[in-house]
Amino acid sequence: MQVMSSNSDGLFRILADPTRRLILDLLAERGPLSVGQLASEFPDLVASGISKHLMGLRAGGVVSATRRGRQQIYRLEPDVLAAGLAPWIAKYEQYWSAALERLRDLAQEGRVKDELTSRKNVRRKRLK
C-alpha cells in the first residue's frame, strides 16, 4: 500500500472530496469502523456511496480493509498518509519553522519572566 510518495497529486485528489476527508476524520477519531458504521454518519448518502468513497481511499492506500464475517472493517493507514504528504509539506516548512522557533523563544521568555516574578514574590513574603 503506497501512495505516490514522490508525487502528492494523487493523494491531494483523494483528499479533495469533503466526504472522504470526513471518513478519514472518523477513522482517526474512532478507530476501525464498518461500512455501516461509517454510513450512519452520512444520512444523506446511501451505503453504496460510502463504499465508493472507501474504494477510492483504499486505492490510494490511505485506508485498509479486513473482513470480519460479512463486514468489511476499514482502518486508517496513517504512515501512508504521512509519507504521501511529507514531500509536499517539506517544501513549505521553511515558512513556519522560523515562526515556531520564535513562538518557542517567547514561551521560554515568558517562563523566565514568570519565574523571576514568583521569586520576587517569595522574597517579598520573607521580608514581611
C-alpha atoms as a PDB file:
ATOM      1  CA  MET A   1       0.000   0.000   0.000  1.00  0.00           C
ATOM      2  CA  GLN A   2       1.922   3.027  -1.214  1.00  0.00           C
ATOM      3  CA  VAL A   3       0.743   6.469  -2.210  1.00  0.00           C
ATOM      4  CA  MET A   4       2.926   8.126  -4.813  1.00  0.00           C
ATOM      5  CA  SER A   5       5.447   9.445  -2.288  1.00  0.00           C
ATOM      6  CA  SER A   6       7.386  11.434  -4.888  1.00  0.00           C
ATOM      7  CA  ASN A   7       4.200  12.998  -6.200  1.00  0.00           C
ATOM      8  CA  SER A   8       1.463  14.076  -3.817  1.00  0.00           C
ATOM      9  CA  ASP A   9      -1.020  14.888  -6.591  1.00  0.00           C
ATOM     10  CA  GLY A  10      -2.836  11.572  -6.274  1.00  0.00           C
ATOM     11  CA  LEU A  11      -3.196  11.969  -2.552  1.00  0.00           C
ATOM     12  CA  PHE A  12      -4.482  15.522  -2.917  1.00  0.00           C
ATOM     13  CA  ARG A  13      -7.075  14.313  -5.437  1.00  0.00           C
ATOM     14  CA  ILE A  14      -8.209  11.744  -2.912  1.00  0.00           C
ATOM     15  CA  LEU A  15      -8.346  14.331  -0.118  1.00  0.00           C
ATOM     16  CA  ALA A  16     -10.121  16.952  -2.244  1.00  0.00           C
ATOM     17  CA  ASP A  17     -13.509  15.408  -1.536  1.00  0.00           C
ATOM     18  CA  PRO A  18     -15.052  16.563   1.775  1.00  0.00           C
ATOM     19  CA  THR A  19     -16.826  13.228   2.324  1.00  0.00           C
ATOM     20  CA  ARG A  20     -13.528  11.371   2.042  1.00  0.00           C
ATOM     21  CA  ARG A  21     -11.878  13.774   4.465  1.00  0.00           C
ATOM     22  CA  LEU A  22     -14.720  13.246   6.932  1.00  0.00           C
ATOM     23  CA  ILE A  23     -14.366   9.471   6.575  1.00  0.00           C
ATOM     24  CA  LEU A  24     -10.667   9.818   7.385  1.00  0.00           C
ATOM     25  CA  ASP A  25     -11.520  12.034  10.364  1.00  0.00           C
ATOM     26  CA  LEU A  26     -13.969   9.425  11.682  1.00  0.00           C
ATOM     27  CA  LEU A  27     -11.437   6.615  11.299  1.00  0.00           C
ATOM     28  CA  ALA A  28      -8.750   8.725  13.004  1.00  0.00           C
ATOM     29  CA  GLU A  29     -11.024   9.599  15.926  1.00  0.00           C
ATOM     30  CA  ARG A  30     -12.841   6.302  16.445  1.00  0.00           C
ATOM     31  CA  GLY A  31     -10.519   3.661  15.050  1.00  0.00           C
ATOM     32  CA  PRO A  32     -11.601   0.852  12.708  1.00  0.00           C
ATOM     33  CA  LEU A  33     -15.226   1.065  11.502  1.00  0.00           C
ATOM     34  CA  SER A  34     -17.506  -0.928   9.235  1.00  0.00           C
ATOM     35  CA  VAL A  35     -19.213   0.495   6.157  1.00  0.00           C
ATOM     36  CA  GLY A  36     -22.483   0.517   8.095  1.00  0.00           C
ATOM     37  CA  GLN A  37     -20.981   2.466  10.969  1.00  0.00           C
ATOM     38  CA  LEU A  38     -19.495   4.983   8.563  1.00  0.00           C
ATOM     39  CA  ALA A  39     -22.718   5.224   6.543  1.00  0.00           C
ATOM     40  CA  SER A  40     -24.686   6.046   9.692  1.00  0.00           C
ATOM     41  CA  GLU A  41     -22.681   9.274   9.904  1.00  0.00           C
ATOM     42  CA  PHE A  42     -23.860  10.322   6.426  1.00  0.00           C
ATOM     43  CA  PRO A  43     -27.671  10.261   6.455  1.00  0.00           C
ATOM     44  CA  ASP A  44     -27.835  11.912   3.006  1.00  0.00           C
ATOM     45  CA  LEU A  45     -25.728   9.173   1.364  1.00  0.00           C
ATOM     46  CA  VAL A  46     -26.517   5.522   0.746  1.00  0.00           C
ATOM     47  CA  ALA A  47     -24.086   2.848   1.908  1.00  0.00           C
ATOM     48  CA  SER A  48     -23.026   2.179  -1.673  1.00  0.00           C
ATOM     49  CA  GLY A  49     -21.932   5.820  -1.950  1.00  0.00           C
ATOM     50  CA  ILE A  50     -19.785   5.425   1.147  1.00  0.00           C
ATOM     51  CA  SER A  51     -18.382   2.192  -0.292  1.00  0.00           C
ATOM     52  CA  LYS A  52     -17.403   4.051  -3.449  1.00  0.00           C
ATOM     53  CA  HIS A  53     -15.524   6.655  -1.407  1.00  0.00           C
ATOM     54  CA  LEU A  54     -13.849   3.884   0.589  1.00  0.00           C
ATOM     55  CA  MET A  55     -12.720   2.228  -2.643  1.00  0.00           C
ATOM     56  CA  GLY A  56     -11.009   5.469  -3.638  1.00  0.00           C
ATOM     57  CA  LEU A  57      -9.360   5.745  -0.242  1.00  0.00           C
ATOM     58  CA  ARG A  58      -8.228   2.110  -0.454  1.00  0.00           C
ATOM     59  CA  ALA A  59      -6.861   2.619  -3.958  1.00  0.00           C
ATOM     60  CA  GLY A  60      -4.746   5.458  -2.589  1.00  0.00           C
ATOM     61  CA  GLY A  61      -3.589   3.286   0.280  1.00  0.00           C
ATOM     62  CA  VAL A  62      -4.769   5.676   2.997  1.00  0.00           C
ATOM     63  CA  VAL A  63      -7.225   3.120   4.396  1.00  0.00           C
ATOM     64  CA  SER A  64      -7.111  -0.649   4.529  1.00  0.00           C
ATOM     65  CA  ALA A  65      -9.903  -3.171   4.922  1.00  0.00           C
ATOM     66  CA  THR A  66     -10.177  -6.514   6.647  1.00  0.00           C
ATOM     67  CA  ARG A  67     -13.094  -8.866   6.528  1.00  0.00           C
ATOM     68  CA  ARG A  68     -14.863  -9.684   9.777  1.00  0.00           C
ATOM     69  CA  GLY A  69     -17.623 -12.118   8.976  1.00  0.00           C
ATOM     70  CA  ARG A  70     -19.796 -10.422   6.370  1.00  0.00           C
ATOM     71  CA  GLN A  71     -18.468  -6.956   7.151  1.00  0.00           C
ATOM     72  CA  GLN A  72     -15.522  -5.042   5.801  1.00  0.00           C
ATOM     73  CA  ILE A  73     -13.762  -3.161   8.588  1.00  0.00           C
ATOM     74  CA  TYR A  74     -11.827  -0.104   7.490  1.00  0.00           C
ATOM     75  CA  ARG A  75      -8.880   1.439   9.267  1.00  0.00           C
ATOM     76  CA  LEU A  76      -6.742   4.494   8.632  1.00  0.00           C
ATOM     77  CA  GLU A  77      -3.187   3.955   7.391  1.00  0.00           C
ATOM     78  CA  PRO A  78      -1.508   6.995   8.970  1.00  0.00           C
ATOM     79  CA  ASP A  79       2.012   6.095   7.814  1.00  0.00           C
ATOM     80  CA  VAL A  80       0.922   6.037   4.174  1.00  0.00           C
ATOM     81  CA  LEU A  81      -0.904   9.330   4.630  1.00  0.00           C
ATOM     82  CA  ALA A  82       2.135  10.908   6.286  1.00  0.00           C
ATOM     83  CA  ALA A  83       4.533   9.562   3.643  1.00  0.00           C
ATOM     84  CA  GLY A  84       2.345  10.929   0.872  1.00  0.00           C
ATOM     85  CA  LEU A  85       2.106  14.391   2.421  1.00  0.00           C
ATOM     86  CA  ALA A  86       5.665  14.697   3.762  1.00  0.00           C
ATOM     87  CA  PRO A  87       7.356  15.747   0.486  1.00  0.00           C
ATOM     88  CA  TRP A  88       4.812  18.490  -0.114  1.00  0.00           C
ATOM     89  CA  ILE A  89       4.844  19.691   3.495  1.00  0.00           C
ATOM     90  CA  ALA A  90       8.663  19.774   3.478  1.00  0.00           C
ATOM     91  CA  LYS A  91       8.608  22.357   0.691  1.00  0.00           C
ATOM     92  CA  TYR A  92       6.672  24.778   2.902  1.00  0.00           C
ATOM     93  CA  GLU A  93       8.189  24.000   6.274  1.00  0.00           C
ATOM     94  CA  GLN A  94      10.621  26.896   5.920  1.00  0.00           C
ATOM     95  CA  TYR A  95       7.705  29.319   6.127  1.00  0.00           C
ATOM     96  CA  TRP A  96       6.518  28.223   9.537  1.00  0.00           C
ATOM     97  CA  SER A  97       9.631  26.761  11.203  1.00  0.00           C
ATOM     98  CA  ALA A  98      11.069  30.231  11.941  1.00  0.00           C
ATOM     99  CA  ALA A  99       7.705  31.343  13.349  1.00  0.00           C
ATOM    100  CA  LEU A 100       7.539  28.250  15.571  1.00  0.00           C
ATOM    101  CA  GLU A 101      11.064  28.900  16.826  1.00  0.00           C
ATOM    102  CA  ARG A 102      10.104  32.497  17.695  1.00  0.00           C
ATOM    103  CA  LEU A 103       6.999  31.211  19.490  1.00  0.00           C
ATOM    104  CA  ARG A 104       9.122  28.739  21.470  1.00  0.00           C
ATOM    105  CA  ASP A 105      11.541  31.537  22.403  1.00  0.00           C
ATOM    106  CA  LEU A 106       8.683  33.780  23.522  1.00  0.00           C
ATOM    107  CA  ALA A 107       7.200  30.973  25.592  1.00  0.00           C
ATOM    108  CA  GLN A 108      10.573  30.351  27.228  1.00  0.00           C
ATOM    109  CA  GLU A 109      10.983  34.079  27.882  1.00  0.00           C
ATOM    110  CA  GLY A 110       7.527  34.077  29.461  1.00  0.00           C
ATOM    111  CA  ARG A 111       8.542  31.205  31.713  1.00  0.00           C
ATOM    112  CA  VAL A 112      11.673  33.038  32.765  1.00  0.00           C
ATOM    113  CA  LYS A 113       9.660  36.193  33.493  1.00  0.00           C
ATOM    114  CA  ASP A 114       7.098  34.154  35.474  1.00  0.00           C
ATOM    115  CA  GLU A 115       9.914  32.520  37.421  1.00  0.00           C
ATOM    116  CA  LEU A 116      11.518  35.884  38.213  1.00  0.00           C
ATOM    117  CA  THR A 117       8.166  37.314  39.296  1.00  0.00           C
ATOM    118  CA  SER A 118       7.475  34.362  41.574  1.00  0.00           C
ATOM    119  CA  ARG A 119      10.983  34.660  43.109  1.00  0.00           C
ATOM    120  CA  LYS A 120      10.359  38.352  43.786  1.00  0.00           C
ATOM    121  CA  ASN A 121       7.046  37.479  45.440  1.00  0.00           C
ATOM    122  CA  VAL A 122       8.733  34.851  47.628  1.00  0.00           C
ATOM    123  CA  ARG A 123      11.373  37.386  48.691  1.00  0.00           C
ATOM    124  CA  ARG A 124       8.701  39.960  49.494  1.00  0.00           C
ATOM    125  CA  LYS A 125       6.841  37.439  51.647  1.00  0.00           C
ATOM    126  CA  ARG A 126      10.049  36.610  53.528  1.00  0.00           C
ATOM    127  CA  LEU A 127      10.696  40.299  54.220  1.00  0.00           C
ATOM    128  CA  LYS A 128       7.257  40.828  55.733  1.00  0.00           C
END
